N, C-alpha and C. Protein backbone atom coordinates (compact mmCIF):
# COMPACT_ATOMS: atom_id res chain seq x y z
N MET A 1 -40.41 -47.23 7.29
CA MET A 1 -40.10 -46.08 6.90
C MET A 1 -39.04 -46.17 6.06
N GLN A 2 -38.88 -46.09 4.91
CA GLN A 2 -37.49 -46.14 3.93
C GLN A 2 -36.38 -45.54 4.65
N GLY A 3 -35.12 -46.14 4.41
CA GLY A 3 -33.86 -45.55 4.81
C GLY A 3 -33.94 -45.51 6.27
N ASP A 4 -34.78 -46.14 7.22
CA ASP A 4 -34.47 -46.29 8.56
C ASP A 4 -33.20 -47.16 9.19
N ASP A 5 -32.05 -46.59 9.12
CA ASP A 5 -30.77 -47.47 9.60
C ASP A 5 -30.61 -47.21 10.64
N GLY A 6 -30.99 -46.46 11.64
CA GLY A 6 -30.68 -45.84 12.71
C GLY A 6 -30.04 -45.14 12.92
N ASN A 7 -29.36 -43.88 12.15
CA ASN A 7 -28.39 -43.09 11.99
C ASN A 7 -29.27 -41.50 11.79
N GLY A 8 -30.57 -41.93 11.75
CA GLY A 8 -31.43 -41.05 11.85
C GLY A 8 -31.75 -40.24 9.93
N SER A 9 -31.19 -41.19 9.46
CA SER A 9 -31.69 -41.17 7.88
C SER A 9 -33.13 -40.79 7.45
N ALA A 10 -33.91 -41.91 8.17
CA ALA A 10 -35.05 -41.29 8.18
C ALA A 10 -35.79 -40.11 8.73
N LEU A 11 -35.17 -39.76 9.48
CA LEU A 11 -35.35 -38.11 10.23
C LEU A 11 -34.98 -37.16 8.97
N ALA A 12 -34.19 -37.25 8.10
CA ALA A 12 -33.64 -36.68 7.14
C ALA A 12 -34.60 -36.63 5.98
N LEU A 13 -35.30 -37.99 5.55
CA LEU A 13 -35.87 -38.10 4.56
C LEU A 13 -37.29 -37.20 5.32
N GLU A 14 -37.83 -37.59 6.02
CA GLU A 14 -38.89 -36.86 6.31
C GLU A 14 -39.01 -35.37 6.22
N ILE A 15 -37.69 -34.75 6.47
CA ILE A 15 -37.22 -33.09 6.50
C ILE A 15 -37.10 -32.96 4.99
N GLU A 16 -36.65 -33.71 3.99
CA GLU A 16 -36.58 -33.14 3.00
C GLU A 16 -38.03 -33.32 2.15
N VAL A 17 -38.83 -34.15 2.71
CA VAL A 17 -40.22 -34.29 1.93
C VAL A 17 -41.14 -33.42 2.55
N GLY A 18 -41.12 -32.80 3.60
CA GLY A 18 -41.62 -31.69 4.08
C GLY A 18 -41.06 -30.24 3.44
N LEU A 19 -39.62 -30.08 3.18
CA LEU A 19 -39.33 -29.56 2.43
C LEU A 19 -39.62 -29.15 0.85
N ARG A 20 -39.40 -30.30 -0.31
CA ARG A 20 -40.25 -30.40 -1.05
C ARG A 20 -41.52 -30.09 -1.03
N ALA A 21 -42.41 -30.38 -0.32
CA ALA A 21 -43.47 -29.79 -0.29
C ALA A 21 -43.64 -28.31 0.07
N THR A 22 -43.06 -27.76 0.98
CA THR A 22 -43.45 -26.47 0.91
C THR A 22 -42.55 -25.56 0.33
N HIS A 23 -41.61 -26.31 -0.37
CA HIS A 23 -40.69 -25.09 -1.39
C HIS A 23 -40.21 -25.94 -2.67
N PRO A 24 -41.17 -26.11 -3.43
CA PRO A 24 -41.05 -27.44 -4.54
C PRO A 24 -40.04 -26.79 -5.68
N THR A 25 -39.60 -25.30 -5.75
CA THR A 25 -38.69 -24.66 -6.57
C THR A 25 -37.33 -24.70 -6.18
N LEU A 26 -36.80 -25.36 -4.91
CA LEU A 26 -35.73 -25.45 -4.68
C LEU A 26 -35.25 -26.46 -5.55
N ARG A 27 -33.83 -26.46 -5.51
CA ARG A 27 -32.96 -27.74 -5.99
C ARG A 27 -33.12 -28.84 -5.25
N LYS A 28 -32.82 -29.81 -5.93
CA LYS A 28 -32.61 -31.36 -4.98
C LYS A 28 -31.51 -31.29 -4.05
N THR A 29 -30.05 -30.43 -4.42
CA THR A 29 -29.38 -30.64 -3.45
C THR A 29 -28.92 -29.97 -2.35
N VAL A 30 -29.86 -28.62 -2.39
CA VAL A 30 -29.95 -27.79 -1.63
C VAL A 30 -31.29 -28.20 -0.90
N ILE A 31 -31.99 -28.96 -0.99
CA ILE A 31 -32.99 -29.53 -0.14
C ILE A 31 -32.32 -30.78 0.71
N THR A 32 -31.50 -31.48 0.17
CA THR A 32 -30.96 -33.02 0.72
C THR A 32 -29.88 -32.33 1.84
N LYS A 33 -29.24 -30.95 1.25
CA LYS A 33 -27.96 -30.99 2.31
C LYS A 33 -28.89 -29.83 3.29
N LEU A 34 -29.58 -29.25 3.30
CA LEU A 34 -30.73 -28.37 4.10
C LEU A 34 -30.87 -29.57 5.36
N ALA A 35 -31.99 -30.47 4.68
CA ALA A 35 -32.40 -31.53 5.55
C ALA A 35 -31.37 -31.96 6.43
N LEU A 36 -30.11 -32.62 5.99
CA LEU A 36 -28.95 -32.95 6.76
C LEU A 36 -28.43 -32.13 7.80
N ALA A 37 -28.72 -30.81 7.38
CA ALA A 37 -27.98 -30.05 8.33
C ALA A 37 -28.99 -29.97 9.49
N MET A 38 -30.31 -29.45 9.28
CA MET A 38 -31.15 -29.64 10.38
C MET A 38 -31.09 -30.82 10.76
N MET A 39 -30.91 -31.99 10.45
CA MET A 39 -31.00 -33.53 11.21
C MET A 39 -29.73 -33.20 11.97
N ALA A 40 -28.69 -32.43 11.59
CA ALA A 40 -27.64 -32.86 12.51
C ALA A 40 -27.59 -31.47 13.56
N VAL A 41 -28.43 -30.57 13.88
CA VAL A 41 -28.83 -29.87 14.76
C VAL A 41 -29.86 -29.97 15.68
N LEU A 42 -31.04 -31.07 15.43
CA LEU A 42 -32.14 -31.42 16.03
C LEU A 42 -31.53 -32.10 17.47
N PRO A 43 -30.49 -33.33 17.38
CA PRO A 43 -29.82 -33.80 18.65
C PRO A 43 -29.40 -32.81 19.79
N ALA A 44 -28.31 -32.02 19.21
CA ALA A 44 -27.68 -31.01 19.95
C ALA A 44 -28.50 -29.86 20.28
N GLN A 45 -29.68 -29.42 19.85
CA GLN A 45 -30.48 -28.66 20.33
C GLN A 45 -30.05 -27.17 20.57
N THR A 46 -29.20 -27.16 19.42
CA THR A 46 -28.52 -25.75 19.07
C THR A 46 -28.76 -25.13 17.94
N PRO A 47 -28.67 -23.82 17.59
CA PRO A 47 -29.07 -23.49 16.25
C PRO A 47 -27.25 -23.24 16.01
N ASN A 48 -26.31 -23.24 16.56
CA ASN A 48 -24.84 -22.73 16.51
C ASN A 48 -24.25 -23.75 16.09
N MET A 49 -24.18 -23.82 14.85
CA MET A 49 -23.44 -24.74 13.58
C MET A 49 -21.72 -25.04 14.47
N ALA A 50 -21.45 -24.10 14.96
CA ALA A 50 -20.04 -23.84 15.27
C ALA A 50 -19.65 -24.75 16.73
N GLU A 51 -20.66 -25.11 16.98
CA GLU A 51 -20.10 -26.32 18.48
C GLU A 51 -20.22 -27.46 17.57
């Protein structure tokens, strides 16, 4: 998969693809930032962004 450099960018890319498919009217910057935030939360297994 394109963007697979070992730091999770492939996961972020896959999340972006899914977000674009389900929410096509969202801006690209919103989708990109949301995908990165989701990617950061997944390994921590917590929705608390303060941790």
